[in-house]
Amino acid sequence: MIIIGELINASRKRIARAIKAADASTIQEIARGEQLVGASFIDVNAGVFEEKEVEFLPWLVRTVQEAVDLPCCIDSPNPKALETAIAVHRGAPLINSISLERDRYDAVLPLLSGTDCKVVALCMSDTGMPEATEDRVAIADKLIDGLVGHGVDMGNIFVDALVQPISTNGAFGRQYLDAVSAITARFNEAHTICGLSNISFGLPKRKVLNRAFAVMAVAAGQDALICDPTDARLMASLCAAEALTGRDDYCECYLNAFRQELLGD
């Protein structure tokens, strides 16, 4: 499972304070903690600072990469902020995100064309957020076709079929999982990804729902998550789910986690 650690996000008050104060030690402590528990990428988001995001986002990238030997997931709807952050990133980052919304597509595509950057491809267009599986697959098809046509490797595309909170519609969880299954079957070289915590928004005991949904997503074929890697129960559940779905050859990762006492009771 590809894990994008979600904790360095300016929507969290502690992170916003650290960014505003240029408190590198706090940011680096969190990044190291996420790496230690198995993150593959460190998400960086300065979106609440709309007027200074172009300045703050590359600072986050440099600060994180001074502390950990991991790529960043550069998370912003602002193409200029993405551009400045990409420019200081060591290696190929994961860009979050592009969609079929015309303005966003036209602005972000040139940042990706002919590079080794990975990209989150949101199943969203100018007509809004789709609910039906076939609509999500149709948008994914157009996005993948356009990205590959501009030199983005299929294996660098992370399709996000867009998790919506079940607190607003009880069918949203099942609809998302159906879309993941369909997208995985059709585009088996691409990845699938989501912001896991979206599923539980507005409900109590959110981690219980997040953990259960993560296991269901693995069973549907998902191979990447934006989540909290410091949730030990979540990480243990993901490890078990990958073993049970045949994605952990000879249960090596599961056994390694056991030896490191990471599986709990």
Protein backbone atom coordinates (compact mmCIF):
# COMPACT_ATOMS: atom_id res chain seq x y z
CA MET A 1 0.00 0.00 0.00
CA ILE A 2 1.27 3.46 -0.94
CA ILE A 3 0.70 5.72 2.05
CA ILE A 4 0.61 9.51 1.75
CA GLY A 5 0.97 10.95 5.23
CA GLU A 6 -1.69 13.64 5.62
CA LEU A 7 -0.60 15.42 8.80
CA ILE A 8 1.29 18.43 7.41
CA ASN A 9 -1.82 20.29 6.36
CA ALA A 10 -2.42 23.93 7.23
CA SER A 11 -6.08 23.19 7.98
CA ARG A 12 -4.74 21.74 11.25
CA LYS A 13 -4.19 24.56 13.74
CA ARG A 14 -0.82 23.30 14.95
CA ILE A 15 0.50 23.14 11.38
CA ALA A 16 -0.89 26.57 10.49
CA ARG A 17 0.88 28.07 13.50
CA ALA A 18 4.14 26.34 12.57
CA ILE A 19 3.99 27.53 8.96
CA LYS A 20 3.20 31.11 9.95
CA ALA A 21 6.06 31.13 12.45
CA ALA A 22 8.49 29.33 10.09
CA ASP A 23 8.81 26.69 12.81
CA ALA A 24 10.80 24.10 10.89
CA SER A 25 11.38 21.84 13.91
CA THR A 26 7.66 21.13 14.37
CA ILE A 27 7.17 20.36 10.68
CA GLN A 28 10.23 18.13 10.59
CA GLU A 29 9.24 16.26 13.75
CA ILE A 30 5.90 15.36 12.17
CA ALA A 31 7.50 14.38 8.86
CA ARG A 32 9.99 12.10 10.62
CA GLY A 33 7.16 10.54 12.60
CA GLU A 34 5.20 9.80 9.44
CA GLN A 35 8.25 8.27 7.76
CA LEU A 36 8.95 6.11 10.80
CA VAL A 37 5.53 4.45 10.67
CA GLY A 38 5.56 3.72 6.96
CA ALA A 39 4.58 6.75 4.88
CA SER A 40 5.67 6.61 1.24
CA PHE A 41 5.05 10.32 0.59
CA ILE A 42 4.65 13.30 2.91
CA ASP A 43 1.70 15.49 1.99
CA VAL A 44 2.34 19.22 2.25
CA ASN A 45 -0.53 21.70 2.15
CA ALA A 46 -0.52 25.44 2.88
CA GLY A 47 -3.90 26.15 1.35
CA VAL A 48 -5.38 28.22 4.16
CA PHE A 49 -2.75 30.89 3.45
CA GLU A 50 -4.18 31.82 0.08
CA GLU A 51 -2.19 35.04 -0.34
CA LYS A 52 1.11 33.50 0.77
CA GLU A 53 0.74 29.94 -0.48
CA VAL A 54 3.23 30.55 -3.30
CA GLU A 55 5.80 31.38 -0.62
CA PHE A 56 4.81 28.87 2.06
CA LEU A 57 4.42 25.73 -0.06
CA PRO A 58 8.04 25.59 -1.33
CA TRP A 59 9.18 26.33 2.23
CA LEU A 60 7.26 23.26 3.38
CA VAL A 61 8.83 21.12 0.66
CA ARG A 62 12.37 22.20 1.55
CA THR A 63 11.72 21.83 5.27
CA VAL A 64 10.31 18.32 4.94
CA GLN A 65 13.02 17.10 2.58
CA GLU A 66 15.73 18.36 4.91
CA ALA A 67 14.37 15.95 7.51
CA VAL A 68 13.29 12.86 5.59
CA ASP A 69 14.40 10.99 2.50
CA LEU A 70 10.91 10.83 1.01
CA PRO A 71 9.13 12.59 -1.83
CA CYS A 72 6.35 15.03 -1.08
CA CYS A 73 2.77 15.02 -2.23
CA ILE A 74 2.39 18.68 -3.17
CA ASP A 75 -1.22 19.50 -2.40
CA SER A 76 -2.70 22.70 -3.82
CA PRO A 77 -5.39 23.91 -6.23
CA ASN A 78 -3.12 26.85 -7.11
CA PRO A 79 -1.02 26.13 -10.22
CA LYS A 80 1.51 28.85 -9.39
CA ALA A 81 2.04 27.42 -5.90
CA LEU A 82 2.49 23.97 -7.43
CA GLU A 83 5.04 25.34 -9.87
CA THR A 84 7.15 27.03 -7.19
CA ALA A 85 7.02 23.94 -4.97
CA ILE A 86 7.97 21.57 -7.79
CA ALA A 87 10.96 23.79 -8.57
CA VAL A 88 12.55 23.17 -5.15
CA HIS A 89 11.56 19.50 -4.77
CA ARG A 90 14.31 16.88 -4.89
CA GLY A 91 13.26 14.06 -7.20
CA ALA A 92 9.80 13.50 -8.61
CA PRO A 93 6.90 14.62 -6.40
CA LEU A 94 3.27 13.55 -6.42
CA ILE A 95 1.13 16.48 -7.58
CA ASN A 96 -2.34 16.81 -6.05
CA SER A 97 -4.10 17.41 -8.38
CA ILE A 98 -5.46 17.68 -11.91
CA SER A 99 -9.07 17.24 -13.04
CA LEU A 100 -11.18 17.68 -16.16
CA GLU A 101 -12.23 21.12 -14.98
CA ARG A 102 -10.98 23.09 -17.97
CA ASP A 103 -9.14 25.90 -16.17
CA ARG A 104 -7.43 23.51 -13.78
CA TYR A 105 -6.55 21.02 -16.52
CA ASP A 106 -5.02 23.68 -18.78
CA ALA A 107 -3.00 25.19 -15.93
CA VAL A 108 -1.62 21.98 -14.38
CA LEU A 109 -0.96 19.86 -17.49
CA PRO A 110 2.11 21.89 -18.59
CA LEU A 111 3.68 21.26 -15.16
CA LEU A 112 3.48 17.52 -15.78
CA SER A 113 4.13 17.14 -19.48
CA GLY A 114 7.36 15.26 -20.18
CA THR A 115 8.35 15.00 -16.49
CA ASP A 116 8.63 12.14 -14.02
CA CYS A 117 6.11 13.78 -11.70
CA LYS A 118 3.33 11.62 -10.37
CA VAL A 119 -0.16 13.10 -10.34
CA VAL A 120 -3.50 12.66 -8.62
CA ALA A 121 -6.21 12.68 -11.29
CA LEU A 122 -9.55 13.72 -9.76
CA CYS A 123 -12.69 12.30 -11.32
CA MET A 124 -14.27 15.73 -11.57
CA SER A 125 -15.24 17.89 -14.52
CA ASP A 126 -16.91 21.24 -15.18
CA THR A 127 -20.26 19.52 -14.72
CA GLY A 128 -19.40 18.73 -11.09
CA MET A 129 -18.67 15.66 -8.98
CA PRO A 130 -20.05 12.44 -10.47
CA GLU A 131 -21.83 9.78 -8.42
CA ALA A 132 -22.45 6.98 -10.93
CA THR A 133 -19.65 4.48 -11.56
CA GLU A 134 -19.85 4.88 -15.32
CA ASP A 135 -19.45 8.66 -15.04
CA ARG A 136 -16.38 8.31 -12.86
CA VAL A 137 -14.84 5.79 -15.25
CA ALA A 138 -15.57 8.05 -18.23
CA ILE A 139 -13.77 10.98 -16.58
CA ALA A 140 -10.86 8.74 -15.57
CA ASP A 141 -10.62 7.54 -19.17
CA LYS A 142 -10.38 11.10 -20.51
CA LEU A 143 -7.89 12.17 -17.87
CA ILE A 144 -5.62 9.17 -18.38
CA ASP A 145 -5.78 9.52 -22.16
CA GLY A 146 -4.86 13.20 -21.96
CA LEU A 147 -2.05 12.69 -19.46
CA VAL A 148 -0.49 9.77 -21.30
CA GLY A 149 -0.80 11.73 -24.53
CA HIS A 150 1.32 14.46 -22.95
CA GLY A 151 4.08 12.13 -21.82
CA VAL A 152 2.91 11.13 -18.33
CA ASP A 153 3.63 7.48 -17.65
CA MET A 154 0.53 5.42 -16.83
CA GLY A 155 2.22 4.19 -13.67
CA ASN A 156 2.58 7.78 -12.45
CA ILE A 157 -1.18 8.42 -12.51
CA PHE A 158 -3.18 8.10 -9.28
CA VAL A 159 -6.90 8.16 -10.04
CA ASP A 160 -9.06 9.62 -7.28
CA ALA A 161 -12.69 8.52 -7.71
CA LEU A 162 -13.65 10.98 -4.96
CA VAL A 163 -14.86 9.70 -1.61
CA GLN A 164 -17.88 11.58 -0.30
CA PRO A 165 -19.14 11.47 3.31
CA ILE A 166 -21.69 8.82 4.13
CA SER A 167 -23.18 11.25 6.65
CA THR A 168 -24.83 12.97 3.68
CA ASN A 169 -25.76 9.88 1.67
CA GLY A 170 -25.47 6.29 2.85
CA ALA A 171 -24.83 5.07 -0.70
CA PHE A 172 -21.62 7.07 -1.18
CA GLY A 173 -19.33 4.41 0.30
CA ARG A 174 -20.61 1.63 -1.93
CA GLN A 175 -20.61 3.90 -5.00
CA TYR A 176 -16.97 4.79 -4.41
CA LEU A 177 -15.90 1.17 -3.98
CA ASP A 178 -17.72 0.16 -7.17
CA ALA A 179 -15.90 2.92 -9.03
CA VAL A 180 -12.51 1.79 -7.71
CA SER A 181 -13.20 -1.78 -8.84
CA ALA A 182 -14.19 -0.60 -12.31
CA ILE A 183 -11.25 1.80 -12.69
CA THR A 184 -8.77 -0.81 -11.46
CA ALA A 185 -10.13 -3.40 -13.90
CA ARG A 186 -9.94 -1.02 -16.85
CA PHE A 187 -6.65 0.76 -16.11
CA ASN A 188 -4.60 -1.84 -14.26
CA GLU A 189 -1.31 0.01 -14.69
CA ALA A 190 -2.62 3.18 -12.99
CA HIS A 191 -3.00 3.60 -9.24
CA THR A 192 -6.13 4.47 -7.29
CA ILE A 193 -6.08 6.87 -4.36
CA CYS A 194 -8.38 8.79 -2.04
CA GLY A 195 -8.47 11.04 0.98
CA LEU A 196 -9.59 8.35 3.42
CA SER A 197 -11.02 10.57 6.14
CA ASN A 198 -13.58 12.12 3.77
CA ILE A 199 -15.76 9.02 4.22
CA SER A 200 -16.38 9.72 7.92
CA PHE A 201 -16.82 13.49 7.87
CA GLY A 202 -19.56 14.66 10.22
CA LEU A 203 -19.75 11.41 12.21
CA PRO A 204 -18.43 10.39 15.66
CA LYS A 205 -15.60 7.90 16.17
CA ARG A 206 -14.28 8.66 12.72
CA LYS A 207 -11.24 6.40 13.01
CA VAL A 208 -13.50 3.34 13.34
CA LEU A 209 -15.15 4.15 10.01
CA ASN A 210 -11.86 5.10 8.37
CA ARG A 211 -10.23 1.79 9.28
CA ALA A 212 -13.15 -0.30 8.07
CA PHE A 213 -13.42 1.63 4.82
CA ALA A 214 -9.69 1.35 4.17
CA VAL A 215 -9.90 -2.44 4.33
CA MET A 216 -12.91 -2.41 1.98
CA ALA A 217 -11.00 -0.16 -0.43
CA VAL A 218 -8.05 -2.58 -0.50
CA ALA A 219 -10.47 -5.41 -1.30
CA ALA A 220 -11.86 -3.29 -4.16
CA GLY A 221 -8.34 -2.90 -5.60
CA GLN A 222 -7.15 0.39 -4.18
CA ASP A 223 -3.41 0.70 -3.72
CA ALA A 224 -2.83 4.20 -2.32
CA LEU A 225 -4.32 6.24 0.52
CA ILE A 226 -3.96 9.76 1.85
CA CYS A 227 -4.34 9.06 5.55
CA ASP A 228 -2.86 9.30 9.04
CA PRO A 229 -0.02 6.75 9.16
CA THR A 230 0.40 7.27 12.90
CA ASP A 231 -2.92 5.44 13.43
CA ALA A 232 -1.37 2.08 14.35
CA ARG A 233 -4.64 0.18 14.08
CA LEU A 234 -5.25 1.55 10.60
CA MET A 235 -1.78 0.54 9.44
CA ALA A 236 -2.15 -2.94 10.95
CA SER A 237 -5.52 -3.34 9.23
CA LEU A 238 -4.03 -2.33 5.90
CA CYS A 239 -1.18 -4.78 6.35
CA ALA A 240 -3.64 -7.60 7.07
CA ALA A 241 -5.91 -6.60 4.17
CA GLU A 242 -3.05 -6.73 1.68
CA ALA A 243 -2.05 -10.20 2.92
CA LEU A 244 -5.64 -11.45 2.70
CA THR A 245 -6.14 -10.11 -0.84
CA GLY A 246 -2.96 -11.71 -2.19
CA ARG A 247 -1.02 -8.49 -2.57
CA ASP A 248 1.67 -9.46 -0.06
CA ASP A 249 3.75 -12.28 -1.52
CA TYR A 250 4.25 -15.06 1.03
CA CYS A 251 2.87 -12.61 3.65
CA GLU A 252 6.35 -11.09 3.91
CA CYS A 253 5.16 -7.60 4.86
CA TYR A 254 2.69 -9.02 7.37
CA LEU A 255 5.36 -11.17 8.99
CA ASN A 256 7.81 -8.28 9.05
CA ALA A 257 5.19 -6.10 10.77
CA PHE A 258 4.63 -8.91 13.30
CA ARG A 259 8.34 -9.10 14.08
CA GLN A 260 8.38 -5.36 14.64
CA GLU A 261 5.35 -5.67 16.95
CA LEU A 262 3.25 -3.41 14.72
CA LEU A 263 0.15 -5.57 14.46
CA GLY A 264 -1.23 -5.11 17.96
CA ASP A 265 -3.43 -7.75 19.54
